[in-house]
PDB file of N, CA and C in Angstrom:
ATOM      1  N   UNK A   1      -1.600   7.345  19.330  1.00  0.00           N
ATOM      2  CA  UNK A   1      -0.807   6.894  18.215  1.00  0.00           C
ATOM      3  C   UNK A   1      -1.275   5.500  17.817  1.00  0.00           C
ATOM      4  N   UNK A   2      -1.385   5.258  16.529  1.00  0.00           N
ATOM      5  CA  UNK A   2      -1.868   3.969  16.069  1.00  0.00           C
ATOM      6  C   UNK A   2      -0.735   2.958  15.990  1.00  0.00           C
ATOM      7  N   UNK A   3      -1.111   1.686  15.901  1.00  0.00           N
ATOM      8  CA  UNK A   3      -0.102   0.638  15.794  1.00  0.00           C
ATOM      9  C   UNK A   3       0.726   0.772  14.525  1.00  0.00           C
ATOM     10  N   UNK A   4       0.139   1.336  13.454  1.00  0.00           N
ATOM     11  CA  UNK A   4       0.880   1.470  12.204  1.00  0.00           C
ATOM     12  C   UNK A   4       2.090   2.389  12.353  1.00  0.00           C
ATOM     13  N   UNK A   5       2.049   3.310  13.298  1.00  0.00           N
ATOM     14  CA  UNK A   5       3.195   4.208  13.486  1.00  0.00           C
ATOM     15  C   UNK A   5       4.390   3.469  14.081  1.00  0.00           C
ATOM     16  N   UNK A   6       4.153   2.354  14.741  1.00  0.00           N
ATOM     17  CA  UNK A   6       5.257   1.591  15.323  1.00  0.00           C
ATOM     18  C   UNK A   6       6.095   0.918  14.244  1.00  0.00           C
ATOM     19  N   UNK A   7       5.495   0.597  13.094  1.00  0.00           N
ATOM     20  CA  UNK A   7       6.208  -0.141  12.056  1.00  0.00           C
ATOM     21  C   UNK A   7       6.730   0.759  10.945  1.00  0.00           C
ATOM     22  N   UNK A   8       6.470   2.051  11.029  1.00  0.00           N
ATOM     23  CA  UNK A   8       6.941   2.970   9.996  1.00  0.00           C
ATOM     24  C   UNK A   8       8.427   3.224  10.121  1.00  0.00           C
ATOM     25  N   UNK A   9       9.087   3.261   8.987  1.00  0.00           N
ATOM     26  CA  UNK A   9      10.480   3.699   9.014  1.00  0.00           C
ATOM     27  C   UNK A   9      10.498   5.223   8.926  1.00  0.00           C
ATOM     28  N   UNK A  10      11.666   5.827   8.979  1.00  0.00           N
ATOM     29  CA  UNK A  10      11.764   7.287   9.011  1.00  0.00           C
ATOM     30  C   UNK A  10      11.185   7.937   7.755  1.00  0.00           C
ATOM     31  N   UNK A  11      11.436   7.344   6.598  1.00  0.00           N
ATOM     32  CA  UNK A  11      10.913   7.903   5.352  1.00  0.00           C
ATOM     33  C   UNK A  11       9.396   7.860   5.329  1.00  0.00           C
ATOM     34  N   UNK A  12       8.820   6.725   5.726  1.00  0.00           N
ATOM     35  CA  UNK A  12       7.365   6.608   5.756  1.00  0.00           C
ATOM     36  C   UNK A  12       6.754   7.618   6.724  1.00  0.00           C
ATOM     37  N   UNK A  13       7.407   7.833   7.858  1.00  0.00           N
ATOM     38  CA  UNK A  13       6.930   8.802   8.831  1.00  0.00           C
ATOM     39  C   UNK A  13       6.935  10.211   8.239  1.00  0.00           C
ATOM     40  N   UNK A  14       8.019  10.567   7.562  1.00  0.00           N
ATOM     41  CA  UNK A  14       8.093  11.894   6.936  1.00  0.00           C
ATOM     42  C   UNK A  14       6.990  12.082   5.894  1.00  0.00           C
ATOM     43  N   UNK A  15       6.796  11.072   5.047  1.00  0.00           N
ATOM     44  CA  UNK A  15       5.776  11.161   3.998  1.00  0.00           C
ATOM     45  C   UNK A  15       4.391  11.324   4.610  1.00  0.00           C
ATOM     46  N   UNK A  16       4.096  10.530   5.629  1.00  0.00           N
ATOM     47  CA  UNK A  16       2.783  10.615   6.271  1.00  0.00           C
ATOM     48  C   UNK A  16       2.584  11.969   6.950  1.00  0.00           C
ATOM     49  N   UNK A  17       3.606  12.456   7.633  1.00  0.00           N
ATOM     50  CA  UNK A  17       3.501  13.735   8.324  1.00  0.00           C
ATOM     51  C   UNK A  17       3.276  14.876   7.335  1.00  0.00           C
ATOM     52  N   UNK A  18       3.990  14.858   6.227  1.00  0.00           N
ATOM     53  CA  UNK A  18       3.814  15.908   5.226  1.00  0.00           C
ATOM     54  C   UNK A  18       2.422  15.821   4.606  1.00  0.00           C
ATOM     55  N   UNK A  19       1.945  14.607   4.354  1.00  0.00           N
ATOM     56  CA  UNK A  19       0.599  14.447   3.807  1.00  0.00           C
ATOM     57  C   UNK A  19      -0.455  14.994   4.770  1.00  0.00           C
ATOM     58  N   UNK A  20      -0.277  14.743   6.056  1.00  0.00           N
ATOM     59  CA  UNK A  20      -1.218  15.268   7.049  1.00  0.00           C
ATOM     60  C   UNK A  20      -1.166  16.785   7.128  1.00  0.00           C
ATOM     61  N   UNK A  21       0.040  17.344   7.087  1.00  0.00           N
ATOM     62  CA  UNK A  21       0.172  18.804   7.075  1.00  0.00           C
ATOM     63  C   UNK A  21      -0.514  19.392   5.842  1.00  0.00           C
ATOM     64  N   UNK A  22      -0.275  18.780   4.689  1.00  0.00           N
ATOM     65  CA  UNK A  22      -0.876  19.269   3.447  1.00  0.00           C
ATOM     66  C   UNK A  22      -2.395  19.217   3.521  1.00  0.00           C
ATOM     67  N   UNK A  23      -2.928  18.133   4.062  1.00  0.00           N
ATOM     68  CA  UNK A  23      -4.382  17.989   4.184  1.00  0.00           C
ATOM     69  C   UNK A  23      -4.960  19.056   5.120  1.00  0.00           C
ATOM     70  N   UNK A  24      -4.270  19.321   6.223  1.00  0.00           N
ATOM     71  CA  UNK A  24      -4.768  20.255   7.227  1.00  0.00           C
ATOM     72  C   UNK A  24      -4.513  21.713   6.859  1.00  0.00           C
ATOM     73  N   UNK A  25      -3.335  21.993   6.304  1.00  0.00           N
ATOM     74  CA  UNK A  25      -2.920  23.380   6.076  1.00  0.00           C
ATOM     75  C   UNK A  25      -2.968  23.824   4.617  1.00  0.00           C
ATOM     76  N   UNK A  26      -2.995  22.870   3.702  1.00  0.00           N
ATOM     77  CA  UNK A  26      -2.861  23.204   2.284  1.00  0.00           C
ATOM     78  C   UNK A  26      -1.402  23.186   1.887  1.00  0.00           C
ATOM     79  N   UNK A  27      -1.164  23.075   0.585  1.00  0.00           N
ATOM     80  CA  UNK A  27       0.205  22.921   0.090  1.00  0.00           C
ATOM     81  C   UNK A  27       1.078  24.142   0.371  1.00  0.00           C
ATOM     82  N   UNK A  28       0.578  25.337   0.102  1.00  0.00           N
ATOM     83  CA  UNK A  28       1.398  26.539   0.275  1.00  0.00           C
ATOM     84  C   UNK A  28       1.838  26.711   1.728  1.00  0.00           C
ATOM     85  N   UNK A  29       0.923  26.529   2.661  1.00  0.00           N
ATOM     86  CA  UNK A  29       1.266  26.709   4.074  1.00  0.00           C
ATOM     87  C   UNK A  29       2.181  25.590   4.561  1.00  0.00           C
ATOM     88  N   UNK A  30       1.979  24.377   4.051  1.00  0.00           N
ATOM     89  CA  UNK A  30       2.868  23.262   4.401  1.00  0.00           C
ATOM     90  C   UNK A  30       4.293  23.566   3.946  1.00  0.00           C
ATOM     91  N   UNK A  31       4.443  24.039   2.724  1.00  0.00           N
ATOM     92  CA  UNK A  31       5.776  24.385   2.220  1.00  0.00           C
ATOM     93  C   UNK A  31       6.396  25.516   3.029  1.00  0.00           C
ATOM     94  N   UNK A  32       5.588  26.479   3.402  1.00  0.00           N
ATOM     95  CA  UNK A  32       6.075  27.583   4.245  1.00  0.00           C
ATOM     96  C   UNK A  32       6.568  27.058   5.587  1.00  0.00           C
ATOM     97  N   UNK A  33       5.765  26.152   6.210  1.00  0.00           N
ATOM     98  CA  UNK A  33       6.145  25.559   7.486  1.00  0.00           C
ATOM     99  C   UNK A  33       7.463  24.790   7.366  1.00  0.00           C
ATOM    100  N   UNK A  34       7.587  23.968   6.336  1.00  0.00           N
ATOM    101  CA  UNK A  34       8.804  23.188   6.156  1.00  0.00           C
ATOM    102  C   UNK A  34      10.016  24.096   5.942  1.00  0.00           C
ATOM    103  N   UNK A  35       9.829  25.174   5.195  1.00  0.00           N
ATOM    104  CA  UNK A  35      10.918  26.134   4.993  1.00  0.00           C
ATOM    105  C   UNK A  35      11.320  26.773   6.314  1.00  0.00           C
ATOM    106  N   UNK A  36      10.334  27.130   7.131  1.00  0.00           N
ATOM    107  CA  UNK A  36      10.637  27.722   8.435  1.00  0.00           C
ATOM    108  C   UNK A  36      11.400  26.747   9.324  1.00  0.00           C
ATOM    109  N   UNK A  37      10.991  25.492   9.320  1.00  0.00           N
ATOM    110  CA  UNK A  37      11.662  24.492  10.151  1.00  0.00           C
ATOM    111  C   UNK A  37      13.099  24.268   9.691  1.00  0.00           C
ATOM    112  N   UNK A  38      13.340  24.355   8.396  1.00  0.00           N
ATOM    113  CA  UNK A  38      14.683  24.122   7.869  1.00  0.00           C
ATOM    114  C   UNK A  38      15.620  25.306   8.053  1.00  0.00           C
ATOM    115  N   UNK A  39      15.098  26.514   8.162  1.00  0.00           N
ATOM    116  CA  UNK A  39      15.982  27.675   8.287  1.00  0.00           C
ATOM    117  C   UNK A  39      16.352  27.993   9.722  1.00  0.00           C
ATOM    118  N   UNK A  40      15.625  27.455  10.681  1.00  0.00           N
ATOM    119  CA  UNK A  40      15.882  27.768  12.088  1.00  0.00           C
ATOM    120  C   UNK A  40      16.922  26.831  12.671  1.00  0.00           C
ATOM    121  N   UNK A  41      17.594  27.311  13.695  1.00  0.00           N
ATOM    122  CA  UNK A  41      18.640  26.514  14.342  1.00  0.00           C
ATOM    123  C   UNK A  41      18.037  25.499  15.311  1.00  0.00           C
ATOM    124  N   UNK A  42      18.872  24.629  15.826  1.00  0.00           N
ATOM    125  CA  UNK A  42      18.460  23.627  16.800  1.00  0.00           C
ATOM    126  C   UNK A  42      17.850  24.272  18.039  1.00  0.00           C
ATOM    127  N   UNK A  43      18.323  25.428  18.412  1.00  0.00           N
ATOM    128  CA  UNK A  43      17.789  26.145  19.572  1.00  0.00           C
ATOM    129  C   UNK A  43      16.284  26.348  19.430  1.00  0.00           C
ATOM    130  N   UNK A  44      15.814  26.626  18.227  1.00  0.00           N
ATOM    131  CA  UNK A  44      14.386  26.806  17.992  1.00  0.00           C
ATOM    132  C   UNK A  44      13.614  25.511  18.248  1.00  0.00           C
ATOM    133  N   UNK A  45      14.195  24.362  17.902  1.00  0.00           N
ATOM    134  CA  UNK A  45      13.540  23.091  18.163  1.00  0.00           C
ATOM    135  C   UNK A  45      13.373  22.866  19.663  1.00  0.00           C
ATOM    136  N   UNK A  46      14.346  23.306  20.428  1.00  0.00           N
ATOM    137  CA  UNK A  46      14.263  23.192  21.883  1.00  0.00           C
ATOM    138  C   UNK A  46      13.098  24.036  22.399  1.00  0.00           C
ATOM    139  N   UNK A  47      12.958  25.243  21.887  1.00  0.00           N
ATOM    140  CA  UNK A  47      11.853  26.103  22.305  1.00  0.00           C
ATOM    141  C   UNK A  47      10.508  25.515  21.892  1.00  0.00           C
ATOM    142  N   UNK A  48      10.438  24.933  20.714  1.00  0.00           N
ATOM    143  CA  UNK A  48       9.199  24.285  20.271  1.00  0.00           C
ATOM    144  C   UNK A  48       8.854  23.148  21.221  1.00  0.00           C
ATOM    145  N   UNK A  49       9.834  22.341  21.595  1.00  0.00           N
ATOM    146  CA  UNK A  49       9.593  21.241  22.536  1.00  0.00           C
ATOM    147  C   UNK A  49       9.102  21.756  23.879  1.00  0.00           C
ATOM    148  N   UNK A  50       9.695  22.824  24.347  1.00  0.00           N
ATOM    149  CA  UNK A  50       9.248  23.409  25.626  1.00  0.00           C
ATOM    150  C   UNK A  50       7.781  23.808  25.553  1.00  0.00           C
ATOM    151  N   UNK A  51       7.384  24.425  24.458  1.00  0.00           N
ATOM    152  CA  UNK A  51       6.000  24.849  24.303  1.00  0.00           C
ATOM    153  C   UNK A  51       5.054  23.656  24.208  1.00  0.00           C
ATOM    154  N   UNK A  52       5.477  22.605  23.547  1.00  0.00           N
ATOM    155  CA  UNK A  52       4.638  21.411  23.406  1.00  0.00           C
ATOM    156  C   UNK A  52       4.398  20.750  24.762  1.00  0.00           C
ATOM    157  N   UNK A  53       5.441  20.674  25.570  1.00  0.00           N
ATOM    158  CA  UNK A  53       5.364  19.912  26.816  1.00  0.00           C
ATOM    159  C   UNK A  53       5.115  20.751  28.065  1.00  0.00           C
ATOM    160  N   UNK A  54       4.988  22.069  27.944  1.00  0.00           N
ATOM    161  CA  UNK A  54       4.920  22.933  29.121  1.00  0.00           C
ATOM    162  C   UNK A  54       3.742  22.629  30.048  1.00  0.00           C
ATOM    163  N   UNK A  55       2.639  22.168  29.553  1.00  0.00           N
ATOM    164  CA  UNK A  55       1.454  21.906  30.369  1.00  0.00           C
ATOM    165  C   UNK A  55       1.401  20.461  30.884  1.00  0.00           C
ATOM    166  N   UNK A  56       2.394  19.649  30.551  1.00  0.00           N
ATOM    167  CA  UNK A  56       2.347  18.228  30.873  1.00  0.00           C
ATOM    168  C   UNK A  56       3.289  17.881  32.027  1.00  0.00           C
ATOM    169  N   UNK A  57       2.873  16.900  32.786  1.00  0.00           N
ATOM    170  CA  UNK A  57       3.708  16.384  33.868  1.00  0.00           C
ATOM    171  C   UNK A  57       4.730  15.408  33.281  1.00  0.00           C
ATOM    172  N   UNK A  58       5.900  15.342  33.894  1.00  0.00           N
ATOM    173  CA  UNK A  58       6.967  14.473  33.408  1.00  0.00           C
ATOM    174  C   UNK A  58       6.531  13.014  33.347  1.00  0.00           C
ATOM    175  N   UNK A  59       5.797  12.545  34.351  1.00  0.00           N
ATOM    176  CA  UNK A  59       5.371  11.142  34.342  1.00  0.00           C
ATOM    177  C   UNK A  59       4.403  10.861  33.195  1.00  0.00           C
ATOM    178  N   UNK A  60       3.592  11.834  32.785  1.00  0.00           N
ATOM    179  CA  UNK A  60       2.708  11.661  31.630  1.00  0.00           C
ATOM    180  C   UNK A  60       3.520  11.476  30.350  1.00  0.00           C
ATOM    181  N   UNK A  61       4.553  12.295  30.216  1.00  0.00           N
ATOM    182  CA  UNK A  61       5.402  12.229  29.029  1.00  0.00           C
ATOM    183  C   UNK A  61       6.095  10.873  28.962  1.00  0.00           C
ATOM    184  N   UNK A  62       6.650  10.419  30.079  1.00  0.00           N
ATOM    185  CA  UNK A  62       7.334   9.125  30.106  1.00  0.00           C
ATOM    186  C   UNK A  62       6.377   7.966  29.867  1.00  0.00           C
ATOM    187  N   UNK A  63       5.181   8.037  30.409  1.00  0.00           N
ATOM    188  CA  UNK A  63       4.192   6.977  30.193  1.00  0.00           C
ATOM    189  C   UNK A  63       3.870   6.852  28.714  1.00  0.00           C
ATOM    190  N   UNK A  64       3.640   8.004  28.053  1.00  0.00           N
ATOM    191  CA  UNK A  64       3.351   8.000  26.621  1.00  0.00           C
ATOM    192  C   UNK A  64       4.550   7.494  25.822  1.00  0.00           C
ATOM    193  N   UNK A  65       5.736   7.883  26.215  1.00  0.00           N
ATOM    194  CA  UNK A  65       6.949   7.432  25.517  1.00  0.00           C
ATOM    195  C   UNK A  65       7.117   5.931  25.647  1.00  0.00           C
ATOM    196  N   UNK A  66       6.885   5.384  26.832  1.00  0.00           N
ATOM    197  CA  UNK A  66       7.019   3.935  27.030  1.00  0.00           C
ATOM    198  C   UNK A  66       6.039   3.172  26.164  1.00  0.00           C
ATOM    199  N   UNK A  67       4.837   3.725  25.952  1.00  0.00           N
ATOM    200  CA  UNK A  67       3.840   3.064  25.130  1.00  0.00           C
ATOM    201  C   UNK A  67       4.293   2.976  23.674  1.00  0.00           C
ATOM    202  N   UNK A  68       5.177   3.859  23.266  1.00  0.00           N
ATOM    203  CA  UNK A  68       5.613   3.908  21.868  1.00  0.00           C
ATOM    204  C   UNK A  68       7.003   3.333  21.619  1.00  0.00           C
ATOM    205  N   UNK A  69       7.691   2.886  22.697  1.00  0.00           N
ATOM    206  CA  UNK A  69       8.994   2.273  22.526  1.00  0.00           C
ATOM    207  C   UNK A  69       8.837   0.905  21.905  1.00  0.00           C
ATOM    208  N   UNK A  70       9.778   0.554  21.068  1.00  0.00           N
ATOM    209  CA  UNK A  70       9.784  -0.792  20.484  1.00  0.00           C
ATOM    210  C   UNK A  70      10.365  -1.761  21.494  1.00  0.00           C
ATOM    211  N   UNK A  71       9.853  -2.954  21.495  1.00  0.00           N
ATOM    212  CA  UNK A  71      10.348  -3.992  22.416  1.00  0.00           C
ATOM    213  C   UNK A  71      11.715  -4.478  22.017  1.00  0.00           C
TER     214      UNK A  71
END
């Protein structure tokens, strides 16, 4: 993660993330992804998190999180 991500507010983060999705996936697929994320319940977000972190050790996750915490 770059230093610029530490100073972004929530709106700037959303705009940047959508721009990156659009660049990587194209507009139609980005819109499809956003629609899917908005129609699913919180339970789905939990499953997505499990899949993201399943191969990682807890101490790795915490180390990365500490690097991104604001002082």
